[in-house]
Amino acid sequence: MIEGVLSLKKDAQEDEKRITMDDNAICIHVKPLYDYYIYLSDCETVTGALRWVEHIRQKTWMTDVMLSRVIELMIQHNEAR
């Protein structure tokens, strides 16, 4: 059981590392050769952020951990504005 918990924790940490942010966008590193960008200017309103959350939530590669990280970065960006 401990191995299972540790494996889940490692998977969650890997998922979080796949999400980065620069001055212009949140980048989700989906595959080695494929990055998915969410431009921060599209997330500066509640409506814009919710549209993006709903859109990426439907992606088959999106995990709950990744979605939480994207939302955290949207909040961080908007608090800094």
C-alpha atoms as a PDB file:
ATOM      1  CA  MET A   1       0.000   0.000   0.000  1.00  0.00           C
ATOM      2  CA  ILE A   2       2.839   2.398   0.824  1.00  0.00           C
ATOM      3  CA  GLU A   3       4.335   1.832  -2.632  1.00  0.00           C
ATOM      4  CA  GLY A   4       0.976   2.749  -4.209  1.00  0.00           C
ATOM      5  CA  VAL A   5       0.751   5.989  -2.229  1.00  0.00           C
ATOM      6  CA  LEU A   6       4.342   6.901  -3.070  1.00  0.00           C
ATOM      7  CA  SER A   7       3.690   6.175  -6.738  1.00  0.00           C
ATOM      8  CA  LEU A   8       0.620   8.435  -6.739  1.00  0.00           C
ATOM      9  CA  LYS A   9       2.600  11.201  -5.056  1.00  0.00           C
ATOM     10  CA  LYS A  10       5.395  10.864  -7.624  1.00  0.00           C
ATOM     11  CA  ASP A  11       2.866  10.964 -10.479  1.00  0.00           C
ATOM     12  CA  ALA A  12       1.305  14.113  -9.007  1.00  0.00           C
ATOM     13  CA  GLN A  13       4.702  15.782  -8.719  1.00  0.00           C
ATOM     14  CA  GLU A  14       5.466  14.904 -12.340  1.00  0.00           C
ATOM     15  CA  ASP A  15       2.111  16.341 -13.430  1.00  0.00           C
ATOM     16  CA  GLU A  16       2.845  19.616 -11.618  1.00  0.00           C
ATOM     17  CA  LYS A  17       6.245  19.879 -13.329  1.00  0.00           C
ATOM     18  CA  ARG A  18       4.527  19.687 -16.707  1.00  0.00           C
ATOM     19  CA  ILE A  19       2.912  23.098 -16.078  1.00  0.00           C
ATOM     20  CA  THR A  20       5.036  26.246 -16.397  1.00  0.00           C
ATOM     21  CA  MET A  21       4.307  29.947 -16.733  1.00  0.00           C
ATOM     22  CA  ASP A  22       6.180  32.849 -18.269  1.00  0.00           C
ATOM     23  CA  ASP A  23       5.160  36.495 -18.699  1.00  0.00           C
ATOM     24  CA  ASN A  24       2.691  35.704 -21.478  1.00  0.00           C
ATOM     25  CA  ALA A  25       1.315  32.194 -21.064  1.00  0.00           C
ATOM     26  CA  ILE A  26       0.791  29.063 -19.058  1.00  0.00           C
ATOM     27  CA  CYS A  27       2.433  26.168 -20.880  1.00  0.00           C
ATOM     28  CA  ILE A  28       1.308  22.574 -20.449  1.00  0.00           C
ATOM     29  CA  HIS A  29       3.965  20.153 -21.653  1.00  0.00           C
ATOM     30  CA  VAL A  30       1.669  17.431 -22.972  1.00  0.00           C
ATOM     31  CA  LYS A  31       4.181  15.318 -24.874  1.00  0.00           C
ATOM     32  CA  PRO A  32       7.889  15.702 -25.567  1.00  0.00           C
ATOM     33  CA  LEU A  33       7.144  17.474 -28.830  1.00  0.00           C
ATOM     34  CA  TYR A  34       3.814  19.088 -27.972  1.00  0.00           C
ATOM     35  CA  ASP A  35       3.154  22.083 -25.725  1.00  0.00           C
ATOM     36  CA  TYR A  36      -0.304  23.510 -25.070  1.00  0.00           C
ATOM     37  CA  TYR A  37      -0.442  27.258 -24.388  1.00  0.00           C
ATOM     38  CA  ILE A  38      -3.018  29.276 -22.480  1.00  0.00           C
ATOM     39  CA  TYR A  39      -2.353  32.959 -22.985  1.00  0.00           C
ATOM     40  CA  LEU A  40      -2.664  34.883 -19.747  1.00  0.00           C
ATOM     41  CA  SER A  41      -4.466  37.766 -21.435  1.00  0.00           C
ATOM     42  CA  ASP A  42      -7.327  35.300 -22.085  1.00  0.00           C
ATOM     43  CA  CYS A  43      -7.584  34.536 -18.352  1.00  0.00           C
ATOM     44  CA  GLU A  44      -7.885  38.042 -16.936  1.00  0.00           C
ATOM     45  CA  THR A  45     -11.632  37.867 -16.456  1.00  0.00           C
ATOM     46  CA  VAL A  46     -13.673  35.302 -14.563  1.00  0.00           C
ATOM     47  CA  THR A  47     -15.443  34.368 -17.786  1.00  0.00           C
ATOM     48  CA  GLY A  48     -12.189  33.930 -19.682  1.00  0.00           C
ATOM     49  CA  ALA A  49     -10.600  31.820 -16.960  1.00  0.00           C
ATOM     50  CA  LEU A  50     -13.682  29.622 -16.610  1.00  0.00           C
ATOM     51  CA  ARG A  51     -13.839  29.075 -20.362  1.00  0.00           C
ATOM     52  CA  TRP A  52     -10.263  27.851 -20.347  1.00  0.00           C
ATOM     53  CA  VAL A  53     -10.804  25.651 -17.284  1.00  0.00           C
ATOM     54  CA  GLU A  54     -13.832  24.032 -18.906  1.00  0.00           C
ATOM     55  CA  HIS A  55     -11.974  23.602 -22.196  1.00  0.00           C
ATOM     56  CA  ILE A  56      -8.848  21.938 -20.795  1.00  0.00           C
ATOM     57  CA  ARG A  57     -10.825  19.893 -18.265  1.00  0.00           C
ATOM     58  CA  GLN A  58     -12.210  17.937 -21.215  1.00  0.00           C
ATOM     59  CA  LYS A  59      -8.769  16.990 -22.553  1.00  0.00           C
ATOM     60  CA  THR A  60      -7.958  13.303 -22.118  1.00  0.00           C
ATOM     61  CA  TRP A  61      -4.430  14.114 -20.919  1.00  0.00           C
ATOM     62  CA  MET A  62      -5.562  16.594 -18.238  1.00  0.00           C
ATOM     63  CA  THR A  63      -5.350  15.334 -14.667  1.00  0.00           C
ATOM     64  CA  ASP A  64      -6.898  16.848 -11.546  1.00  0.00           C
ATOM     65  CA  VAL A  65      -3.416  17.783 -10.325  1.00  0.00           C
ATOM     66  CA  MET A  66      -2.595  19.533 -13.597  1.00  0.00           C
ATOM     67  CA  LEU A  67      -5.927  21.372 -13.629  1.00  0.00           C
ATOM     68  CA  SER A  68      -5.382  22.565 -10.063  1.00  0.00           C
ATOM     69  CA  ARG A  69      -1.928  23.849 -10.997  1.00  0.00           C
ATOM     70  CA  VAL A  70      -3.285  25.732 -14.033  1.00  0.00           C
ATOM     71  CA  ILE A  71      -5.939  27.366 -11.842  1.00  0.00           C
ATOM     72  CA  GLU A  72      -3.298  28.302  -9.239  1.00  0.00           C
ATOM     73  CA  LEU A  73      -1.230  29.995 -11.948  1.00  0.00           C
ATOM     74  CA  MET A  74      -4.259  31.867 -13.314  1.00  0.00           C
ATOM     75  CA  ILE A  75      -4.962  33.171  -9.815  1.00  0.00           C
ATOM     76  CA  GLN A  76      -1.307  34.073  -9.277  1.00  0.00           C
ATOM     77  CA  HIS A  77      -1.226  36.020 -12.540  1.00  0.00           C
ATOM     78  CA  ASN A  78      -4.414  37.925 -11.753  1.00  0.00           C
ATOM     79  CA  GLU A  79      -3.340  38.769  -8.209  1.00  0.00           C
ATOM     80  CA  ALA A  80      -0.073  40.211  -9.547  1.00  0.00           C
ATOM     81  CA  ARG A  81      -1.851  42.487 -12.036  1.00  0.00           C
END
